[in-house]
Amino acid sequence: DRALAARLWDEIAARGLLRGGGAEGAQVERMFSRKREILPFLLEHAR
């Protein structure tokens, strides 16, 4: 049901369900291509 999927996306955006964490989001994305640095990064930010 593509129409439902589109409405779900619109609702996520309209209700701001996942907003925030902009700077942290950029850090996480960088880790996707730095396999050796993942565990230290995750443990450092675990709290």
ModelCIF file with pLDDT and N, C-alpha, C, O atoms, coordinates in Angstrom:
data_MODEL
#
_entry.id   MODEL 
#
_entity.id                         1 
_entity.type                       polymer 
_entity.pdbx_number_of_molecules   1 
#
_entity_poly.entity_id                      1 
_entity_poly.type                           'polypeptide(L)' 
_entity_poly.nstd_linkage                   no 
_entity_poly.nstd_monomer                   no 
_entity_poly.pdbx_seq_one_letter_code       DRALAARLWDEIAARGLLRGGGAEGAQVERMFSRKREILPFLLEHAR 
_entity_poly.pdbx_seq_one_letter_code_can   DRALAARLWDEIAARGLLRGGGAEGAQVERMFSRKREILPFLLEHAR 
_entity_poly.pdbx_strand_id                 A 
#
loop_
_entity_poly_seq.entity_id 
_entity_poly_seq.num 
_entity_poly_seq.mon_id 
_entity_poly_seq.hetero 
1 1  ASP n 
1 2  ARG n 
1 3  ALA n 
1 4  LEU n 
1 5  ALA n 
1 6  ALA n 
1 7  ARG n 
1 8  LEU n 
1 9  TRP n 
1 10 ASP n 
1 11 GLU n 
1 12 ILE n 
1 13 ALA n 
1 14 ALA n 
1 15 ARG n 
1 16 GLY n 
1 17 LEU n 
1 18 LEU n 
1 19 ARG n 
1 20 GLY n 
1 21 GLY n 
1 22 GLY n 
1 23 ALA n 
1 24 GLU n 
1 25 GLY n 
1 26 ALA n 
1 27 GLN n 
1 28 VAL n 
1 29 GLU n 
1 30 ARG n 
1 31 MET n 
1 32 PHE n 
1 33 SER n 
1 34 ARG n 
1 35 LYS n 
1 36 ARG n 
1 37 GLU n 
1 38 ILE n 
1 39 LEU n 
1 40 PRO n 
1 41 PHE n 
1 42 LEU n 
1 43 LEU n 
1 44 GLU n 
1 45 HIS n 
1 46 ALA n 
1 47 ARG n 
#
_struct_asym.id          A 
_struct_asym.entity_id   1 
#
loop_
_ma_qa_metric.id 
_ma_qa_metric.mode 
_ma_qa_metric.name 
_ma_qa_metric.software_group_id 
_ma_qa_metric.type 
1 global pLDDT . pLDDT 
2 local  pLDDT . pLDDT 
#
_ma_qa_metric_global.metric_id      1 
_ma_qa_metric_global.metric_value   65.87 
_ma_qa_metric_global.model_id       1 
_ma_qa_metric_global.ordinal_id     1 
#
loop_
_ma_qa_metric_local.label_asym_id 
_ma_qa_metric_local.label_comp_id 
_ma_qa_metric_local.label_seq_id 
_ma_qa_metric_local.metric_id 
_ma_qa_metric_local.metric_value 
_ma_qa_metric_local.model_id 
_ma_qa_metric_local.ordinal_id 
A ASP 1  2 95.00 1 1  
A ARG 2  2 96.00 1 2  
A ALA 3  2 95.00 1 3  
A LEU 4  2 94.00 1 4  
A ALA 5  2 95.00 1 5  
A ALA 6  2 94.00 1 6  
A ARG 7  2 93.00 1 7  
A LEU 8  2 91.00 1 8  
A TRP 9  2 92.00 1 9  
A ASP 10 2 91.00 1 10 
A GLU 11 2 89.00 1 11 
A ILE 12 2 84.00 1 12 
A ALA 13 2 84.00 1 13 
A ALA 14 2 79.00 1 14 
A ARG 15 2 77.00 1 15 
A GLY 16 2 68.00 1 16 
A LEU 17 2 61.00 1 17 
A LEU 18 2 60.00 1 18 
A ARG 19 2 55.00 1 19 
A GLY 20 2 52.00 1 20 
A GLY 21 2 47.00 1 21 
A GLY 22 2 50.00 1 22 
A ALA 23 2 52.00 1 23 
A GLU 24 2 53.00 1 24 
A GLY 25 2 53.00 1 25 
A ALA 26 2 57.00 1 26 
A GLN 27 2 55.00 1 27 
A VAL 28 2 54.00 1 28 
A GLU 29 2 56.00 1 29 
A ARG 30 2 56.00 1 30 
A MET 31 2 50.00 1 31 
A PHE 32 2 55.00 1 32 
A SER 33 2 54.00 1 33 
A ARG 34 2 56.00 1 34 
A LYS 35 2 53.00 1 35 
A ARG 36 2 54.00 1 36 
A GLU 37 2 54.00 1 37 
A ILE 38 2 54.00 1 38 
A LEU 39 2 53.00 1 39 
A PRO 40 2 61.00 1 40 
A PHE 41 2 52.00 1 41 
A LEU 42 2 54.00 1 42 
A LEU 43 2 52.00 1 43 
A GLU 44 2 56.00 1 44 
A HIS 45 2 53.00 1 45 
A ALA 46 2 53.00 1 46 
A ARG 47 2 54.00 1 47 
#
loop_
_atom_site.group_PDB 
_atom_site.id 
_atom_site.type_symbol 
_atom_site.label_atom_id 
_atom_site.label_alt_id 
_atom_site.label_comp_id 
_atom_site.label_asym_id 
_atom_site.label_entity_id 
_atom_site.label_seq_id 
_atom_site.pdbx_PDB_ins_code 
_atom_site.Cartn_x 
_atom_site.Cartn_y 
_atom_site.Cartn_z 
_atom_site.occupancy 
_atom_site.B_iso_or_equiv 
_atom_site.pdbx_formal_charge 
_atom_site.auth_seq_id 
_atom_site.auth_comp_id 
_atom_site.auth_asym_id 
_atom_site.auth_atom_id 
_atom_site.pdbx_PDB_model_num 
ATOM 1   N N  . ASP A 1 1  ? 0.859  -1.185 0.000  1.00 95.00 ? 1  ASP A N  1 
ATOM 2   C CA . ASP A 1 1  ? 0.000  0.000  0.000  1.00 95.00 ? 1  ASP A CA 1 
ATOM 3   C C  . ASP A 1 1  ? 0.897  1.237  0.000  1.00 95.00 ? 1  ASP A C  1 
ATOM 4   O O  . ASP A 1 1  ? 1.270  1.747  1.056  1.00 95.00 ? 1  ASP A O  1 
ATOM 5   N N  . ARG A 1 2  ? 1.236  1.713  -1.205 1.00 96.00 ? 2  ARG A N  1 
ATOM 6   C CA . ARG A 1 2  ? 2.145  2.855  -1.295 1.00 96.00 ? 2  ARG A CA 1 
ATOM 7   C C  . ARG A 1 2  ? 1.525  4.120  -0.737 1.00 96.00 ? 2  ARG A C  1 
ATOM 8   O O  . ARG A 1 2  ? 2.216  4.921  -0.107 1.00 96.00 ? 2  ARG A O  1 
ATOM 9   N N  . ALA A 1 3  ? 0.241  4.311  -0.954 1.00 95.00 ? 3  ALA A N  1 
ATOM 10  C CA . ALA A 1 3  ? -0.430 5.507  -0.435 1.00 95.00 ? 3  ALA A CA 1 
ATOM 11  C C  . ALA A 1 3  ? -0.344 5.543  1.087  1.00 95.00 ? 3  ALA A C  1 
ATOM 12  O O  . ALA A 1 3  ? -0.124 6.601  1.677  1.00 95.00 ? 3  ALA A O  1 
ATOM 13  N N  . LEU A 1 4  ? -0.514 4.403  1.712  1.00 94.00 ? 4  LEU A N  1 
ATOM 14  C CA . LEU A 1 4  ? -0.388 4.331  3.169  1.00 94.00 ? 4  LEU A CA 1 
ATOM 15  C C  . LEU A 1 4  ? 1.041  4.649  3.598  1.00 94.00 ? 4  LEU A C  1 
ATOM 16  O O  . LEU A 1 4  ? 1.253  5.367  4.576  1.00 94.00 ? 4  LEU A O  1 
ATOM 17  N N  . ALA A 1 5  ? 2.018  4.118  2.869  1.00 95.00 ? 5  ALA A N  1 
ATOM 18  C CA . ALA A 1 5  ? 3.411  4.390  3.198  1.00 95.00 ? 5  ALA A CA 1 
ATOM 19  C C  . ALA A 1 5  ? 3.715  5.885  3.103  1.00 95.00 ? 5  ALA A C  1 
ATOM 20  O O  . ALA A 1 5  ? 4.419  6.435  3.951  1.00 95.00 ? 5  ALA A O  1 
ATOM 21  N N  . ALA A 1 6  ? 3.188  6.534  2.079  1.00 94.00 ? 6  ALA A N  1 
ATOM 22  C CA . ALA A 1 6  ? 3.403  7.976  1.925  1.00 94.00 ? 6  ALA A CA 1 
ATOM 23  C C  . ALA A 1 6  ? 2.756  8.742  3.070  1.00 94.00 ? 6  ALA A C  1 
ATOM 24  O O  . ALA A 1 6  ? 3.341  9.691  3.592  1.00 94.00 ? 6  ALA A O  1 
ATOM 25  N N  . ARG A 1 7  ? 1.546  8.332  3.467  1.00 93.00 ? 7  ARG A N  1 
ATOM 26  C CA . ARG A 1 7  ? 0.866  9.007  4.580  1.00 93.00 ? 7  ARG A CA 1 
ATOM 27  C C  . ARG A 1 7  ? 1.639  8.798  5.886  1.00 93.00 ? 7  ARG A C  1 
ATOM 28  O O  . ARG A 1 7  ? 1.731  9.708  6.711  1.00 93.00 ? 7  ARG A O  1 
ATOM 29  N N  . LEU A 1 8  ? 2.188  7.607  6.067  1.00 91.00 ? 8  LEU A N  1 
ATOM 30  C CA . LEU A 1 8  ? 2.966  7.342  7.273  1.00 91.00 ? 8  LEU A CA 1 
ATOM 31  C C  . LEU A 1 8  ? 4.174  8.268  7.343  1.00 91.00 ? 8  LEU A C  1 
ATOM 32  O O  . LEU A 1 8  ? 4.479  8.830  8.395  1.00 91.00 ? 8  LEU A O  1 
ATOM 33  N N  . TRP A 1 9  ? 4.858  8.421  6.209  1.00 92.00 ? 9  TRP A N  1 
ATOM 34  C CA . TRP A 1 9  ? 6.000  9.331  6.168  1.00 92.00 ? 9  TRP A CA 1 
ATOM 35  C C  . TRP A 1 9  ? 5.572  10.767 6.459  1.00 92.00 ? 9  TRP A C  1 
ATOM 36  O O  . TRP A 1 9  ? 6.246  11.480 7.203  1.00 92.00 ? 9  TRP A O  1 
ATOM 37  N N  . ASP A 1 10 ? 4.461  11.188 5.879  1.00 91.00 ? 10 ASP A N  1 
ATOM 38  C CA . ASP A 1 10 ? 3.971  12.542 6.131  1.00 91.00 ? 10 ASP A CA 1 
ATOM 39  C C  . ASP A 1 10 ? 3.644  12.737 7.607  1.00 91.00 ? 10 ASP A C  1 
ATOM 40  O O  . ASP A 1 10 ? 3.885  13.805 8.170  1.00 91.00 ? 10 ASP A O  1 
ATOM 41  N N  . GLU A 1 11 ? 3.093  11.693 8.228  1.00 89.00 ? 11 GLU A N  1 
ATOM 42  C CA . GLU A 1 11 ? 2.737  11.794 9.643  1.00 89.00 ? 11 GLU A CA 1 
ATOM 43  C C  . GLU A 1 11 ? 3.982  11.859 10.521 1.00 89.00 ? 11 GLU A C  1 
ATOM 44  O O  . GLU A 1 11 ? 4.015  12.618 11.489 1.00 89.00 ? 11 GLU A O  1 
ATOM 45  N N  . ILE A 1 12 ? 5.002  11.074 10.196 1.00 84.00 ? 12 ILE A N  1 
ATOM 46  C CA . ILE A 1 12 ? 6.259  11.137 10.949 1.00 84.00 ? 12 ILE A CA 1 
ATOM 47  C C  . ILE A 1 12 ? 6.829  12.549 10.905 1.00 84.00 ? 12 ILE A C  1 
ATOM 48  O O  . ILE A 1 12 ? 7.290  13.075 11.918 1.00 84.00 ? 12 ILE A O  1 
ATOM 49  N N  . ALA A 1 13 ? 6.792  13.161 9.713  1.00 84.00 ? 13 ALA A N  1 
ATOM 50  C CA . ALA A 1 13 ? 7.329  14.520 9.566  1.00 84.00 ? 13 ALA A CA 1 
ATOM 51  C C  . ALA A 1 13 ? 6.451  15.543 10.275 1.00 84.00 ? 13 ALA A C  1 
ATOM 52  O O  . ALA A 1 13 ? 6.956  16.412 10.986 1.00 84.00 ? 13 ALA A O  1 
ATOM 53  N N  . ALA A 1 14 ? 5.131  15.442 10.084 1.00 79.00 ? 14 ALA A N  1 
ATOM 54  C CA . ALA A 1 14 ? 4.215  16.437 10.645 1.00 79.00 ? 14 ALA A CA 1 
ATOM 55  C C  . ALA A 1 14 ? 4.229  16.428 12.173 1.00 79.00 ? 14 ALA A C  1 
ATOM 56  O O  . ALA A 1 14 ? 4.134  17.477 12.809 1.00 79.00 ? 14 ALA A O  1 
ATOM 57  N N  . ARG A 1 15 ? 4.347  15.236 12.754 1.00 77.00 ? 15 ARG A N  1 
ATOM 58  C CA . ARG A 1 15 ? 4.331  15.124 14.220 1.00 77.00 ? 15 ARG A CA 1 
ATOM 59  C C  . ARG A 1 15 ? 5.711  15.267 14.842 1.00 77.00 ? 15 ARG A C  1 
ATOM 60  O O  . ARG A 1 15 ? 5.848  15.271 16.066 1.00 77.00 ? 15 ARG A O  1 
ATOM 61  N N  . GLY A 1 16 ? 6.739  15.385 13.999 1.00 68.00 ? 16 GLY A N  1 
ATOM 62  C CA . GLY A 1 16 ? 8.094  15.563 14.524 1.00 68.00 ? 16 GLY A CA 1 
ATOM 63  C C  . GLY A 1 16 ? 8.566  14.406 15.373 1.00 68.00 ? 16 GLY A C  1 
ATOM 64  O O  . GLY A 1 16 ? 9.251  14.609 16.375 1.00 68.00 ? 16 GLY A O  1 
ATOM 65  N N  . LEU A 1 17 ? 8.203  13.175 14.978 1.00 61.00 ? 17 LEU A N  1 
ATOM 66  C CA . LEU A 1 17 ? 8.493  12.013 15.812 1.00 61.00 ? 17 LEU A CA 1 
ATOM 67  C C  . LEU A 1 17 ? 9.977  11.724 15.948 1.00 61.00 ? 17 LEU A C  1 
ATOM 68  O O  . LEU A 1 17 ? 10.410 11.175 16.961 1.00 61.00 ? 17 LEU A O  1 
ATOM 69  N N  . LEU A 1 18 ? 10.761 12.085 14.943 1.00 60.00 ? 18 LEU A N  1 
ATOM 70  C CA . LEU A 1 18 ? 12.176 11.710 14.949 1.00 60.00 ? 18 LEU A CA 1 
ATOM 71  C C  . LEU A 1 18 ? 13.097 12.910 14.770 1.00 60.00 ? 18 LEU A C  1 
ATOM 72  O O  . LEU A 1 18 ? 14.219 12.760 14.285 1.00 60.00 ? 18 LEU A O  1 
ATOM 73  N N  . ARG A 1 19 ? 12.644 14.079 15.149 1.00 55.00 ? 19 ARG A N  1 
ATOM 74  C CA . ARG A 1 19 ? 13.495 15.254 14.982 1.00 55.00 ? 19 ARG A CA 1 
ATOM 75  C C  . ARG A 1 19 ? 14.494 15.351 16.127 1.00 55.00 ? 19 ARG A C  1 
ATOM 76  O O  . ARG A 1 19 ? 14.238 14.913 17.249 1.00 55.00 ? 19 ARG A O  1 
ATOM 77  N N  . GLY A 1 20 ? 15.636 15.940 15.804 1.00 52.00 ? 20 GLY A N  1 
ATOM 78  C CA . GLY A 1 20 ? 16.672 16.119 16.809 1.00 52.00 ? 20 GLY A CA 1 
ATOM 79  C C  . GLY A 1 20 ? 17.895 15.297 16.481 1.00 52.00 ? 20 GLY A C  1 
ATOM 80  O O  . GLY A 1 20 ? 17.895 14.491 15.550 1.00 52.00 ? 20 GLY A O  1 
ATOM 81  N N  . GLY A 1 21 ? 18.938 15.513 17.264 1.00 47.00 ? 21 GLY A N  1 
ATOM 82  C CA . GLY A 1 21 ? 20.150 14.710 17.092 1.00 47.00 ? 21 GLY A CA 1 
ATOM 83  C C  . GLY A 1 21 ? 20.879 14.977 15.800 1.00 47.00 ? 21 GLY A C  1 
ATOM 84  O O  . GLY A 1 21 ? 21.497 14.067 15.246 1.00 47.00 ? 21 GLY A O  1 
ATOM 85  N N  . GLY A 1 22 ? 20.826 16.211 15.296 1.00 50.00 ? 22 GLY A N  1 
ATOM 86  C CA . GLY A 1 22 ? 21.430 16.506 14.000 1.00 50.00 ? 22 GLY A CA 1 
ATOM 87  C C  . GLY A 1 22 ? 22.921 16.250 13.955 1.00 50.00 ? 22 GLY A C  1 
ATOM 88  O O  . GLY A 1 22 ? 23.411 15.549 13.069 1.00 50.00 ? 22 GLY A O  1 
ATOM 89  N N  . ALA A 1 23 ? 23.655 16.823 14.922 1.00 52.00 ? 23 ALA A N  1 
ATOM 90  C CA . ALA A 1 23 ? 25.106 16.650 14.945 1.00 52.00 ? 23 ALA A CA 1 
ATOM 91  C C  . ALA A 1 23 ? 25.472 15.196 15.188 1.00 52.00 ? 23 ALA A C  1 
ATOM 92  O O  . ALA A 1 23 ? 26.387 14.661 14.562 1.00 52.00 ? 23 ALA A O  1 
ATOM 93  N N  . GLU A 1 24 ? 24.740 14.557 16.112 1.00 53.00 ? 24 GLU A N  1 
ATOM 94  C CA . GLU A 1 24 ? 25.007 13.144 16.400 1.00 53.00 ? 24 GLU A CA 1 
ATOM 95  C C  . GLU A 1 24 ? 24.706 12.281 15.181 1.00 53.00 ? 24 GLU A C  1 
ATOM 96  O O  . GLU A 1 24 ? 25.406 11.301 14.923 1.00 53.00 ? 24 GLU A O  1 
ATOM 97  N N  . GLY A 1 25 ? 23.662 12.643 14.428 1.00 53.00 ? 25 GLY A N  1 
ATOM 98  C CA . GLY A 1 25 ? 23.325 11.891 13.222 1.00 53.00 ? 25 GLY A CA 1 
ATOM 99  C C  . GLY A 1 25 ? 24.456 11.893 12.218 1.00 53.00 ? 25 GLY A C  1 
ATOM 100 O O  . GLY A 1 25 ? 24.742 10.871 11.595 1.00 53.00 ? 25 GLY A O  1 
ATOM 101 N N  . ALA A 1 26 ? 25.105 13.044 12.056 1.00 57.00 ? 26 ALA A N  1 
ATOM 102 C CA . ALA A 1 26 ? 26.239 13.132 11.131 1.00 57.00 ? 26 ALA A CA 1 
ATOM 103 C C  . ALA A 1 26 ? 27.389 12.248 11.609 1.00 57.00 ? 26 ALA A C  1 
ATOM 104 O O  . ALA A 1 26 ? 28.068 11.616 10.799 1.00 57.00 ? 26 ALA A O  1 
ATOM 105 N N  . GLN A 1 27 ? 27.608 12.204 12.934 1.00 55.00 ? 27 GLN A N  1 
ATOM 106 C CA . GLN A 1 27 ? 28.667 11.346 13.475 1.00 55.00 ? 27 GLN A CA 1 
ATOM 107 C C  . GLN A 1 27 ? 28.367 9.875  13.203 1.00 55.00 ? 27 GLN A C  1 
ATOM 108 O O  . GLN A 1 27 ? 29.243 9.118  12.785 1.00 55.00 ? 27 GLN A O  1 
ATOM 109 N N  . VAL A 1 28 ? 27.119 9.481  13.443 1.00 54.00 ? 28 VAL A N  1 
ATOM 110 C CA . VAL A 1 28 ? 26.728 8.090  13.223 1.00 54.00 ? 28 VAL A CA 1 
ATOM 111 C C  . VAL A 1 28 ? 26.956 7.698  11.772 1.00 54.00 ? 28 VAL A C  1 
ATOM 112 O O  . VAL A 1 28 ? 27.496 6.627  11.493 1.00 54.00 ? 28 VAL A O  1 
ATOM 113 N N  . GLU A 1 29 ? 26.549 8.557  10.850 1.00 56.00 ? 29 GLU A N  1 
ATOM 114 C CA . GLU A 1 29 ? 26.731 8.230  9.432  1.00 56.00 ? 29 GLU A CA 1 
ATOM 115 C C  . GLU A 1 29 ? 28.194 8.034  9.075  1.00 56.00 ? 29 GLU A C  1 
ATOM 116 O O  . GLU A 1 29 ? 28.527 7.151  8.284  1.00 56.00 ? 29 GLU A O  1 
ATOM 117 N N  . ARG A 1 30 ? 29.062 8.839  9.643  1.00 56.00 ? 30 ARG A N  1 
ATOM 118 C CA . ARG A 1 30 ? 30.488 8.677  9.359  1.00 56.00 ? 30 ARG A CA 1 
ATOM 119 C C  . ARG A 1 30 ? 30.987 7.317  9.834  1.00 56.00 ? 30 ARG A C  1 
ATOM 120 O O  . ARG A 1 30 ? 31.875 6.723  9.223  1.00 56.00 ? 30 ARG A O  1 
ATOM 121 N N  . MET A 1 31 ? 30.410 6.833  10.925 1.00 50.00 ? 31 MET A N  1 
ATOM 122 C CA . MET A 1 31 ? 30.834 5.535  11.462 1.00 50.00 ? 31 MET A CA 1 
ATOM 123 C C  . MET A 1 31 ? 30.444 4.374  10.549 1.00 50.00 ? 31 MET A C  1 
ATOM 124 O O  . MET A 1 31 ? 31.071 3.315  10.593 1.00 50.00 ? 31 MET A O  1 
ATOM 125 N N  . PHE A 1 32 ? 29.407 4.567  9.716  1.00 55.00 ? 32 PHE A N  1 
ATOM 126 C CA . PHE A 1 32 ? 28.965 3.485  8.831  1.00 55.00 ? 32 PHE A CA 1 
ATOM 127 C C  . PHE A 1 32 ? 30.090 3.016  7.903  1.00 55.00 ? 32 PHE A C  1 
ATOM 128 O O  . PHE A 1 32 ? 30.087 1.870  7.453  1.00 55.00 ? 32 PHE A O  1 
ATOM 129 N N  . SER A 1 33 ? 31.042 3.894  7.619  1.00 54.00 ? 33 SER A N  1 
ATOM 130 C CA . SER A 1 33 ? 32.147 3.522  6.718  1.00 54.00 ? 33 SER A CA 1 
ATOM 131 C C  . SER A 1 33 ? 33.483 3.410  7.460  1.00 54.00 ? 33 SER A C  1 
ATOM 132 O O  . SER A 1 33 ? 34.539 3.319  6.835  1.00 54.00 ? 33 SER A O  1 
ATOM 133 N N  . ARG A 1 34 ? 33.428 3.418  8.786  1.00 56.00 ? 34 ARG A N  1 
ATOM 134 C CA . ARG A 1 34 ? 34.661 3.300  9.585  1.00 56.00 ? 34 ARG A CA 1 
ATOM 135 C C  . ARG A 1 34 ? 34.515 2.153  10.580 1.00 56.00 ? 34 ARG A C  1 
ATOM 136 O O  . ARG A 1 34 ? 34.370 2.371  11.783 1.00 56.00 ? 34 ARG A O  1 
ATOM 137 N N  . LYS A 1 35 ? 34.556 0.946  10.064 1.00 53.00 ? 35 LYS A N  1 
ATOM 138 C CA . LYS A 1 35 ? 34.216 -0.229 10.853 1.00 53.00 ? 35 LYS A CA 1 
ATOM 139 C C  . LYS A 1 35 ? 35.067 -0.357 12.118 1.00 53.00 ? 35 LYS A C  1 
ATOM 140 O O  . LYS A 1 35 ? 34.549 -0.751 13.163 1.00 53.00 ? 35 LYS A O  1 
ATOM 141 N N  . ARG A 1 36 ? 36.345 -0.036 12.048 1.00 54.00 ? 36 ARG A N  1 
ATOM 142 C CA . ARG A 1 36 ? 37.229 -0.234 13.199 1.00 54.00 ? 36 ARG A CA 1 
ATOM 143 C C  . ARG A 1 36 ? 36.937 0.753  14.327 1.00 54.00 ? 36 ARG A C  1 
ATOM 144 O O  . ARG A 1 36 ? 37.319 0.513  15.472 1.00 54.00 ? 36 ARG A O  1 
ATOM 145 N N  . GLU A 1 37 ? 36.270 1.849  14.016 1.00 54.00 ? 37 GLU A N  1 
ATOM 146 C CA . GLU A 1 37 ? 36.016 2.875  15.024 1.00 54.00 ? 37 GLU A CA 1 
ATOM 147 C C  . GLU A 1 37 ? 34.630 2.755  15.644 1.00 54.00 ? 37 GLU A C  1 
ATOM 148 O O  . GLU A 1 37 ? 34.283 3.541  16.525 1.00 54.00 ? 37 GLU A O  1 
ATOM 149 N N  . ILE A 1 38 ? 33.830 1.785  15.200 1.00 54.00 ? 38 ILE A N  1 
ATOM 150 C CA . ILE A 1 38 ? 32.436 1.725  15.635 1.00 54.00 ? 38 ILE A CA 1 
ATOM 151 C C  . ILE A 1 38 ? 32.313 1.480  17.135 1.00 54.00 ? 38 ILE A C  1 
ATOM 152 O O  . ILE A 1 38 ? 31.633 2.238  17.828 1.00 54.00 ? 38 ILE A O  1 
ATOM 153 N N  . LEU A 1 39 ? 32.965 0.428  17.651 1.00 53.00 ? 39 LEU A N  1 
ATOM 154 C CA . LEU A 1 39 ? 32.782 0.078  19.060 1.00 53.00 ? 39 LEU A CA 1 
ATOM 155 C C  . LEU A 1 39 ? 33.246 1.198  19.992 1.00 53.00 ? 39 LEU A C  1 
ATOM 156 O O  . LEU A 1 39 ? 32.492 1.557  20.897 1.00 53.00 ? 39 LEU A O  1 
ATOM 157 N N  . PRO A 1 40 ? 34.445 1.772  19.827 1.00 61.00 ? 40 PRO A N  1 
ATOM 158 C CA . PRO A 1 40 ? 34.826 2.893  20.699 1.00 61.00 ? 40 PRO A CA 1 
ATOM 159 C C  . PRO A 1 40 ? 33.829 4.042  20.629 1.00 61.00 ? 40 PRO A C  1 
ATOM 160 O O  . PRO A 1 40 ? 33.524 4.664  21.647 1.00 61.00 ? 40 PRO A O  1 
ATOM 161 N N  . PHE A 1 41 ? 33.322 4.327  19.435 1.00 52.00 ? 41 PHE A N  1 
ATOM 162 C CA . PHE A 1 41 ? 32.344 5.409  19.277 1.00 52.00 ? 41 PHE A CA 1 
ATOM 163 C C  . PHE A 1 41 ? 31.065 5.103  20.054 1.00 52.00 ? 41 PHE A C  1 
ATOM 164 O O  . PHE A 1 41 ? 30.562 5.962  20.779 1.00 52.00 ? 41 PHE A O  1 
ATOM 165 N N  . LEU A 1 42 ? 30.538 3.890  19.909 1.00 54.00 ? 42 LEU A N  1 
ATOM 166 C CA . LEU A 1 42 ? 29.291 3.532  20.574 1.00 54.00 ? 42 LEU A CA 1 
ATOM 167 C C  . LEU A 1 42 ? 29.453 3.529  22.089 1.00 54.00 ? 42 LEU A C  1 
ATOM 168 O O  . LEU A 1 42 ? 28.579 4.009  22.810 1.00 54.00 ? 42 LEU A O  1 
ATOM 169 N N  . LEU A 1 43 ? 30.565 2.993  22.568 1.00 52.00 ? 43 LEU A N  1 
ATOM 170 C CA . LEU A 1 43 ? 30.779 2.953  24.009 1.00 52.00 ? 43 LEU A CA 1 
ATOM 171 C C  . LEU A 1 43 ? 30.967 4.352  24.589 1.00 52.00 ? 43 LEU A C  1 
ATOM 172 O O  . LEU A 1 43 ? 30.512 4.642  25.695 1.00 52.00 ? 43 LEU A O  1 
ATOM 173 N N  . GLU A 1 44 ? 31.637 5.209  23.836 1.00 56.00 ? 44 GLU A N  1 
ATOM 174 C CA . GLU A 1 44 ? 31.868 6.582  24.294 1.00 56.00 ? 44 GLU A CA 1 
ATOM 175 C C  . GLU A 1 44 ? 30.562 7.338  24.467 1.00 56.00 ? 44 GLU A C  1 
ATOM 176 O O  . GLU A 1 44 ? 30.423 8.150  25.382 1.00 56.00 ? 44 GLU A O  1 
ATOM 177 N N  . HIS A 1 45 ? 29.588 7.065  23.570 1.00 53.00 ? 45 HIS A N  1 
ATOM 178 C CA . HIS A 1 45 ? 28.332 7.812  23.588 1.00 53.00 ? 45 HIS A CA 1 
ATOM 179 C C  . HIS A 1 45 ? 27.188 7.036  24.240 1.00 53.00 ? 45 HIS A C  1 
ATOM 180 O O  . HIS A 1 45 ? 26.031 7.450  24.159 1.00 53.00 ? 45 HIS A O  1 
ATOM 181 N N  . ALA A 1 46 ? 27.502 5.929  24.878 1.00 53.00 ? 46 ALA A N  1 
ATOM 182 C CA . ALA A 1 46 ? 26.436 5.057  25.390 1.00 53.00 ? 46 ALA A CA 1 
ATOM 183 C C  . ALA A 1 46 ? 25.590 5.714  26.474 1.00 53.00 ? 46 ALA A C  1 
ATOM 184 O O  . ALA A 1 46 ? 24.436 5.334  26.671 1.00 53.00 ? 46 ALA A O  1 
ATOM 185 N N  . ARG A 1 47 ? 26.148 6.690  27.174 1.00 54.00 ? 47 ARG A N  1 
ATOM 186 C CA . ARG A 1 47 ? 25.415 7.280  28.290 1.00 54.00 ? 47 ARG A CA 1 
ATOM 187 C C  . ARG A 1 47 ? 24.636 8.536  27.906 1.00 54.00 ? 47 ARG A C  1 
ATOM 188 O O  . ARG A 1 47 ? 23.973 9.134  28.754 1.00 54.00 ? 47 ARG A O  1 
#
